[in-house]
Amino acid sequence: MNIGITCYPTYGGSGVVATELGKSLAQRGHKVHFITYALPMRLTAIGRAADSYIDNIFYHEVEMSTYPLFEFPLYSMALASKMVEVARYEKLDLLHAHYAIPHATSALLAKQILQGKLKIVTTLHGTDITLVGQEPSFEPLMKFSIESSDVVTSVSEFLKRETIDKYGVEKDIIAIPNFIDTDVFRPVDARNLRRLLAPGEEKILVHVSNFRAVKRVADAIRAFKIILDTGIKAKFILVGDGPDRGECEALARELGIWQQTRFLGKQAELSSILSMSDVFLIPSGNESFGLSALEAMACGVPVVSSDIGGLPEVNVDGKTGFIVKMGDVDALAKKTLLLLTDAALHERMSKAAIAHATGNFTKEQIVPYYENAYEKAMSM
């Protein structure tokens, strides 16, 4: 099958899943064309070494033009034009749009230009539904983009219910969970890295996100302060970047825990960082799935998460980690302390986390569901 994929190429779960899906599809014999404004982050490894090169993955950059007449860049229209160009000359069978707005909207315009000779599969990742689509000005466009797509998928049962409840859509939505590549996300020997970051044999907590307000990173930092106040020697490693990073760094200084906190910024190689860690914290205020938690679990790291969105579909309370009420910093600290002080509990949950991740969320298990969705779209 000849497949076009449009996603955000930046540091975030939707772009990661879209890119890993494209790579897996290419390995399964499909031709995959990424259509976006920058090379997706997880695609940059392709071609760095001979054994990483995949010859049926192609990248098509959406070029933006600026004109004095237009106050804002016209990305959605430029994207639609590029979709038409790629579909026409590369003979695409379908476009897979990750996010309803703006990607599915642009794809639907491209389909109309091509007189319907293109199938559209749309995957809802969460931000489009829970944030963008809640704006009154976008709601009609959101509903239209969903209902006009040939096939719609969501990354969790929670998001499927949320979409139906909030927009009243009658379109059938297929819940297909996110997945991990177990060749990449698995326990690895990271003792040297651990000695570098925790030379005093401290316990290590880790958080990975794009540092947006919805991630509630400050809650994790405050919980870490409570943990340190008990006398536990620990380090907190924070990976990623975003608009709230500066405030989080300031909070760590204000609480007097700056020396025990390390902000590493964006990191392409995560398995070593995760493998050296003891507990993964994800206190989000909104999370449609929680891919970063799944990646941590695959590396053997128990998770302490909030109770919202799709997180309970990933993190099994009392088995792979703990779930606490969103915003309850004391509970976040308390459950983390249990894992840091009870070696038997930690080992049991670490093994359960690996088993749960590898038993339910591998690319070998999940990618065929997308192929089925493509076949359904092609038959319509």
Protein backbone atom coordinates (compact mmCIF):
# COMPACT_ATOMS: atom_id res chain seq x y z
CA MET A 1 0.00 0.00 0.00
CA ASN A 2 1.18 3.55 -0.74
CA ILE A 3 0.53 5.66 2.38
CA GLY A 4 0.92 9.35 3.16
CA ILE A 5 1.37 10.33 6.82
CA THR A 6 1.00 13.84 8.21
CA CYS A 7 1.89 14.60 11.82
CA TYR A 8 3.58 17.20 13.98
CA PRO A 9 7.30 16.46 13.69
CA THR A 10 8.14 17.89 17.12
CA TYR A 11 8.93 16.36 20.52
CA GLY A 12 5.60 14.85 21.57
CA GLY A 13 3.65 11.62 21.71
CA SER A 14 1.59 12.04 18.53
CA GLY A 15 4.61 12.71 16.34
CA VAL A 16 6.51 9.83 17.93
CA VAL A 17 3.68 7.36 17.35
CA ALA A 18 3.08 8.55 13.77
CA THR A 19 6.76 8.24 12.93
CA GLU A 20 7.20 4.84 14.55
CA LEU A 21 4.05 3.67 12.77
CA GLY A 22 5.46 4.83 9.43
CA LYS A 23 8.75 3.08 10.05
CA SER A 24 6.98 -0.15 11.03
CA LEU A 25 4.70 0.02 7.99
CA ALA A 26 7.73 0.48 5.74
CA GLN A 27 9.41 -2.53 7.33
CA ARG A 28 6.24 -4.50 6.57
CA GLY A 29 6.54 -3.66 2.86
CA HIS A 30 4.40 -0.54 2.47
CA LYS A 31 5.60 2.69 0.87
CA VAL A 32 5.37 5.54 3.36
CA HIS A 33 5.48 9.27 2.55
CA PHE A 34 5.79 11.74 5.44
CA ILE A 35 4.27 15.11 4.55
CA THR A 36 5.02 17.84 7.09
CA TYR A 37 6.96 21.06 7.64
CA ALA A 38 10.07 19.44 9.18
CA LEU A 39 11.70 16.03 9.33
CA PRO A 40 10.04 14.12 12.22
CA MET A 41 12.37 13.74 15.19
CA ARG A 42 12.20 9.95 15.35
CA LEU A 43 12.85 9.76 11.60
CA THR A 44 16.27 11.39 11.87
CA ALA A 45 17.91 8.06 12.73
CA ILE A 46 16.99 6.73 9.29
CA GLY A 47 20.02 6.88 7.07
CA ARG A 48 22.57 7.62 9.80
CA ALA A 49 23.90 4.11 9.41
CA ALA A 50 23.55 1.53 6.67
CA ASP A 51 21.64 -0.85 8.93
CA SER A 52 19.08 1.84 9.80
CA TYR A 53 18.23 2.85 6.23
CA ILE A 54 14.74 2.00 4.98
CA ASP A 55 14.43 2.55 1.24
CA ASN A 56 10.64 2.87 1.08
CA ILE A 57 10.30 5.86 3.44
CA PHE A 58 10.09 9.28 1.79
CA TYR A 59 9.91 12.79 3.22
CA HIS A 60 8.09 15.68 1.54
CA GLU A 61 8.56 19.10 3.12
CA VAL A 62 5.69 21.57 3.22
CA GLU A 63 7.22 24.86 2.13
CA MET A 64 5.73 28.02 3.53
CA SER A 65 5.55 31.31 1.67
CA THR A 66 4.96 34.63 3.37
CA TYR A 67 3.13 37.59 1.84
CA PRO A 68 2.60 41.06 3.35
CA LEU A 69 -1.13 40.67 2.70
CA PHE A 70 -1.45 37.73 5.12
CA GLU A 71 -0.90 38.43 8.81
CA PHE A 72 -0.61 34.73 9.67
CA PRO A 73 1.12 31.84 7.80
CA LEU A 74 -1.28 29.76 5.71
CA TYR A 75 0.04 26.36 6.78
CA SER A 76 -3.21 24.42 6.42
CA MET A 77 -3.59 25.47 2.80
CA ALA A 78 0.08 24.91 2.00
CA LEU A 79 -0.23 21.45 3.56
CA ALA A 80 -3.32 20.64 1.48
CA SER A 81 -1.49 21.67 -1.69
CA LYS A 82 1.50 19.49 -0.82
CA MET A 83 -0.85 16.59 -0.06
CA VAL A 84 -2.41 16.97 -3.51
CA GLU A 85 1.01 17.07 -5.15
CA VAL A 86 2.32 13.98 -3.34
CA ALA A 87 -0.92 12.04 -3.78
CA ARG A 88 -1.06 12.83 -7.49
CA TYR A 89 2.55 12.10 -8.42
CA GLU A 90 3.33 9.34 -5.93
CA LYS A 91 0.00 7.60 -6.54
CA LEU A 92 -0.99 7.49 -2.87
CA ASP A 93 -3.74 5.11 -1.80
CA LEU A 94 -4.58 7.02 1.36
CA LEU A 95 -3.55 9.80 3.71
CA HIS A 96 -3.21 9.13 7.42
CA ALA A 97 -3.73 12.40 9.31
CA HIS A 98 -2.62 12.51 12.93
CA TYR A 99 -4.87 15.17 14.53
CA ALA A 100 -8.23 16.23 13.19
CA ILE A 101 -7.30 19.93 13.17
CA PRO A 102 -5.49 20.96 11.09
CA HIS A 103 -4.22 17.77 9.43
CA ALA A 104 -7.47 15.94 8.66
CA THR A 105 -9.02 19.24 7.57
CA SER A 106 -6.21 19.76 5.06
CA ALA A 107 -6.46 16.13 3.94
CA LEU A 108 -10.18 16.49 3.26
CA LEU A 109 -9.53 19.57 1.14
CA ALA A 110 -6.89 17.62 -0.79
CA LYS A 111 -9.36 14.79 -1.31
CA GLN A 112 -11.92 17.21 -2.71
CA ILE A 113 -9.38 18.69 -5.10
CA LEU A 114 -8.55 15.16 -6.26
CA GLN A 115 -12.28 14.52 -6.78
CA GLY A 116 -12.50 11.90 -4.06
CA LYS A 117 -9.69 9.73 -5.39
CA LEU A 118 -8.00 9.50 -2.00
CA LYS A 119 -8.99 7.82 1.25
CA ILE A 120 -8.54 9.62 4.59
CA VAL A 121 -7.74 7.92 7.90
CA THR A 122 -7.68 10.25 10.90
CA THR A 123 -6.15 9.43 14.28
CA LEU A 124 -7.23 11.48 17.29
CA HIS A 125 -4.44 11.92 19.82
CA GLY A 126 -6.11 14.09 22.43
CA THR A 127 -5.00 17.71 22.19
CA ASP A 128 -7.16 18.20 19.12
CA ILE A 129 -10.20 16.91 21.02
CA THR A 130 -9.65 18.09 24.59
CA LEU A 131 -8.12 21.51 23.92
CA VAL A 132 -8.28 22.83 20.34
CA GLY A 133 -11.73 21.47 19.58
CA GLN A 134 -13.18 23.01 22.74
CA GLU A 135 -12.76 26.46 21.23
CA PRO A 136 -16.23 27.45 19.98
CA SER A 137 -14.74 28.73 16.73
CA PHE A 138 -13.22 25.33 15.94
CA GLU A 139 -15.99 22.99 17.10
CA PRO A 140 -17.92 22.81 13.78
CA LEU A 141 -14.68 22.23 11.87
CA MET A 142 -13.61 19.54 14.32
CA LYS A 143 -16.87 17.63 14.00
CA PHE A 144 -16.84 17.95 10.20
CA SER A 145 -13.24 16.72 9.96
CA ILE A 146 -14.02 13.66 12.06
CA GLU A 147 -17.30 12.71 10.40
CA SER A 148 -15.98 13.29 6.87
CA SER A 149 -12.92 11.06 7.31
CA ASP A 150 -13.26 7.57 5.86
CA VAL A 151 -11.95 5.90 9.03
CA VAL A 152 -11.27 7.44 12.44
CA THR A 153 -9.13 5.96 15.20
CA SER A 154 -8.31 7.14 18.72
CA VAL A 155 -5.36 6.26 20.92
CA SER A 156 -7.50 5.13 23.86
CA GLU A 157 -11.00 4.10 24.85
CA PHE A 158 -11.12 7.22 27.02
CA LEU A 159 -10.51 9.48 24.03
CA LYS A 160 -13.10 7.61 21.98
CA ARG A 161 -15.74 8.22 24.67
CA GLU A 162 -14.63 11.83 25.11
CA THR A 163 -14.97 12.52 21.39
CA ILE A 164 -18.42 10.98 21.13
CA ASP A 165 -19.68 12.72 24.30
CA LYS A 166 -18.30 16.18 23.55
CA TYR A 167 -19.08 16.38 19.84
CA GLY A 168 -22.00 14.01 19.45
CA VAL A 169 -20.35 12.38 16.46
CA GLU A 170 -22.06 9.38 14.96
CA LYS A 171 -18.92 8.23 13.18
CA ASP A 172 -17.57 4.87 14.29
CA ILE A 173 -14.26 5.40 16.10
CA ILE A 174 -11.77 2.54 16.43
CA ALA A 175 -9.65 2.66 19.60
CA ILE A 176 -6.08 1.58 18.77
CA PRO A 177 -3.60 2.10 21.63
CA ASN A 178 -0.15 3.53 21.20
CA PHE A 179 2.74 1.11 21.03
CA ILE A 180 6.46 0.74 21.65
CA ASP A 181 9.36 -0.80 19.77
CA THR A 182 10.75 -3.36 22.20
CA ASP A 183 14.02 -3.42 20.28
CA VAL A 184 14.50 0.15 21.49
CA PHE A 185 12.54 0.37 24.74
CA ARG A 186 13.81 -2.44 26.93
CA PRO A 187 15.99 -2.68 30.03
CA VAL A 188 19.60 -1.91 29.12
CA ASP A 189 22.78 -1.72 31.17
CA ALA A 190 22.92 1.94 32.22
CA ARG A 191 25.12 1.60 35.30
CA ASN A 192 27.75 3.99 33.96
CA LEU A 193 25.14 6.68 33.27
CA ARG A 194 23.61 6.12 36.70
CA ARG A 195 26.99 6.54 38.39
CA LEU A 196 27.48 9.77 36.45
CA LEU A 197 24.12 11.29 37.42
CA ALA A 198 23.87 9.78 40.92
CA PRO A 199 27.46 9.32 42.15
CA GLY A 200 26.27 9.02 45.74
CA GLU A 201 24.09 6.00 44.90
CA GLU A 202 20.97 8.13 45.22
CA LYS A 203 17.58 6.87 44.09
CA ILE A 204 16.56 8.30 40.70
CA LEU A 205 13.17 9.67 39.70
CA VAL A 206 12.48 10.57 36.08
CA HIS A 207 9.92 12.60 34.14
CA VAL A 208 9.67 13.02 30.36
CA SER A 209 7.37 15.55 28.67
CA ASN A 210 7.08 18.66 26.55
CA PHE A 211 6.74 20.86 29.65
CA ARG A 212 3.32 22.27 28.88
CA ALA A 213 1.01 23.40 31.67
CA VAL A 214 -1.19 20.33 31.20
CA LYS A 215 1.74 18.09 32.21
CA ARG A 216 1.76 19.60 35.73
CA VAL A 217 5.52 19.15 36.07
CA ALA A 218 5.51 21.47 39.10
CA ASP A 219 3.47 18.83 40.98
CA ALA A 220 6.27 16.32 40.43
CA ILE A 221 8.89 18.82 41.63
CA ARG A 222 6.91 19.58 44.79
CA ALA A 223 6.46 15.86 45.44
CA PHE A 224 10.22 15.42 45.05
CA LYS A 225 10.77 18.08 47.72
CA ILE A 226 8.52 16.13 50.12
CA ILE A 227 10.49 12.96 49.39
CA LEU A 228 13.83 14.65 50.09
CA ASP A 229 12.47 16.05 53.35
CA THR A 230 12.04 12.48 54.63
CA GLY A 231 15.79 11.98 54.44
CA ILE A 232 15.80 9.88 51.27
CA LYS A 233 18.80 10.60 49.07
CA ALA A 234 17.51 11.00 45.53
CA LYS A 235 17.97 12.78 42.22
CA PHE A 236 15.20 13.93 39.88
CA ILE A 237 15.97 13.76 36.15
CA LEU A 238 13.65 15.78 33.92
CA VAL A 239 13.80 15.20 30.16
CA GLY A 240 12.25 17.40 27.50
CA ASP A 241 11.62 21.06 26.89
CA GLY A 242 8.70 23.42 26.52
CA PRO A 243 7.05 26.65 27.71
CA ASP A 244 6.98 25.70 31.42
CA ARG A 245 10.59 24.58 31.74
CA GLY A 246 11.85 27.95 32.98
CA GLU A 247 9.19 28.13 35.69
CA CYS A 248 9.99 24.56 36.76
CA GLU A 249 13.69 25.36 37.04
CA ALA A 250 12.83 28.45 39.10
CA LEU A 251 10.63 26.34 41.37
CA ALA A 252 13.45 23.85 42.00
CA ARG A 253 15.72 26.74 43.01
CA GLU A 254 13.01 28.28 45.18
CA LEU A 255 12.45 24.98 47.02
CA GLY A 256 16.18 24.57 47.59
CA ILE A 257 16.44 21.31 45.63
CA TRP A 258 18.28 22.59 42.58
CA GLN A 259 21.39 20.51 43.30
CA GLN A 260 19.31 17.32 43.36
CA THR A 261 17.45 18.17 40.15
CA ARG A 262 18.77 17.80 36.59
CA PHE A 263 17.03 19.23 33.53
CA LEU A 264 18.47 17.38 30.52
CA GLY A 265 16.40 19.02 27.78
CA LYS A 266 15.38 17.05 24.69
CA GLN A 267 17.03 13.66 24.39
CA ALA A 268 16.72 11.35 21.39
CA GLU A 269 18.09 8.34 23.29
CA LEU A 270 15.75 7.55 26.18
CA SER A 271 16.16 3.84 26.92
CA SER A 272 19.37 4.33 28.92
CA ILE A 273 17.91 7.22 30.91
CA LEU A 274 14.79 5.22 31.69
CA SER A 275 16.65 2.00 32.45
CA MET A 276 18.79 3.67 35.11
CA SER A 277 15.74 5.16 36.87
CA ASP A 278 13.78 3.85 39.84
CA VAL A 279 10.38 5.55 39.39
CA PHE A 280 8.69 7.41 36.54
CA LEU A 281 6.40 10.31 37.50
CA ILE A 282 3.57 11.51 35.24
CA PRO A 283 1.16 13.77 37.18
CA SER A 284 -0.61 15.15 34.07
CA GLY A 285 -3.85 17.08 34.20
CA ASN A 286 -4.83 15.72 30.80
CA GLU A 287 -3.38 12.67 29.07
CA SER A 288 -5.21 10.77 26.36
CA PHE A 289 -2.82 7.82 26.55
CA GLY A 290 0.57 8.38 28.20
CA LEU A 291 3.17 7.07 25.75
CA SER A 292 6.09 8.20 27.91
CA ALA A 293 4.75 6.08 30.78
CA LEU A 294 4.53 3.04 28.48
CA GLU A 295 8.12 3.56 27.32
CA ALA A 296 9.26 3.71 30.95
CA MET A 297 7.34 0.53 31.80
CA ALA A 298 8.96 -1.32 28.90
CA CYS A 299 12.33 -0.40 30.44
CA GLY A 300 11.26 -1.83 33.79
CA VAL A 301 10.42 1.41 35.56
CA PRO A 302 7.29 1.45 37.78
CA VAL A 303 5.03 4.45 37.15
CA VAL A 304 3.25 6.79 39.55
CA SER A 305 0.63 8.65 37.55
CA SER A 306 -2.47 10.78 37.93
CA ASP A 307 -5.88 9.20 37.48
CA ILE A 308 -7.04 11.08 34.42
CA GLY A 309 -7.70 10.28 30.77
CA GLY A 310 -6.17 7.18 29.29
CA LEU A 311 -3.47 6.72 31.93
CA PRO A 312 -5.41 4.00 33.81
CA GLU A 313 -5.50 2.05 30.51
CA VAL A 314 -1.69 2.03 30.56
CA ASN A 315 -0.64 2.04 34.22
CA VAL A 316 -2.38 -0.68 36.27
CA ASP A 317 -2.80 0.61 39.84
CA GLY A 318 -1.09 -1.63 42.38
CA LYS A 319 0.50 -3.77 39.69
CA THR A 320 2.72 -1.74 37.33
CA GLY A 321 2.84 1.25 39.66
CA PHE A 322 0.37 3.51 41.42
CA ILE A 323 -2.40 5.89 40.39
CA VAL A 324 -3.19 8.97 42.50
CA LYS A 325 -5.79 11.70 42.25
CA MET A 326 -4.70 14.42 39.86
CA GLY A 327 -3.22 17.36 41.81
CA ASP A 328 -2.66 15.40 45.04
CA VAL A 329 1.05 16.13 45.55
CA ASP A 330 1.15 14.44 48.95
CA ALA A 331 -0.22 11.18 47.51
CA LEU A 332 2.23 11.42 44.61
CA ALA A 333 5.10 11.65 47.09
CA LYS A 334 3.72 8.93 49.35
CA LYS A 335 3.32 6.33 46.61
CA THR A 336 6.74 7.17 45.18
CA LEU A 337 8.29 6.71 48.62
CA LEU A 338 6.76 3.23 48.83
CA LEU A 339 8.60 2.24 45.67
CA LEU A 340 11.85 3.82 46.84
CA THR A 341 11.87 2.14 50.24
CA ASP A 342 10.42 -1.32 49.55
CA ALA A 343 12.85 -3.26 47.36
CA ALA A 344 10.59 -6.30 47.01
CA LEU A 345 7.64 -4.14 45.94
CA HIS A 346 9.79 -2.29 43.45
CA GLU A 347 11.13 -5.50 41.89
CA ARG A 348 7.64 -6.98 41.62
CA MET A 349 6.21 -3.87 39.96
CA SER A 350 9.23 -3.52 37.67
CA LYS A 351 8.71 -7.04 36.33
CA ALA A 352 4.96 -6.48 36.01
CA ALA A 353 5.56 -3.23 34.11
CA ILE A 354 7.74 -5.00 31.55
CA ALA A 355 5.26 -7.86 31.20
CA HIS A 356 2.31 -5.49 30.76
CA ALA A 357 4.07 -3.30 28.18
CA THR A 358 5.50 -6.16 26.13
CA GLY A 359 2.37 -8.28 26.46
CA ASN A 360 -0.08 -5.68 25.19
CA PHE A 361 1.56 -2.71 23.46
CA THR A 362 4.27 -3.84 21.02
CA LYS A 363 4.45 -2.72 17.41
CA GLU A 364 3.98 -6.34 16.30
CA GLN A 365 0.65 -6.42 18.14
CA ILE A 366 -0.66 -2.94 17.31
CA VAL A 367 0.47 -2.05 13.76
CA PRO A 368 -1.78 -4.74 12.18
CA TYR A 369 -4.78 -2.88 13.64
CA TYR A 370 -3.78 0.16 11.58
CA GLU A 371 -3.39 -2.00 8.51
CA ASN A 372 -6.94 -3.26 9.10
CA ALA A 373 -8.12 0.35 9.38
CA TYR A 374 -6.45 1.12 6.05
CA GLU A 375 -8.11 -1.88 4.40
CA LYS A 376 -11.46 -0.74 5.77
CA ALA A 377 -10.92 2.75 4.32
CA MET A 378 -9.90 1.34 0.93
CA SER A 379 -13.05 -0.79 0.78
CA MET A 380 -15.37 2.17 1.31
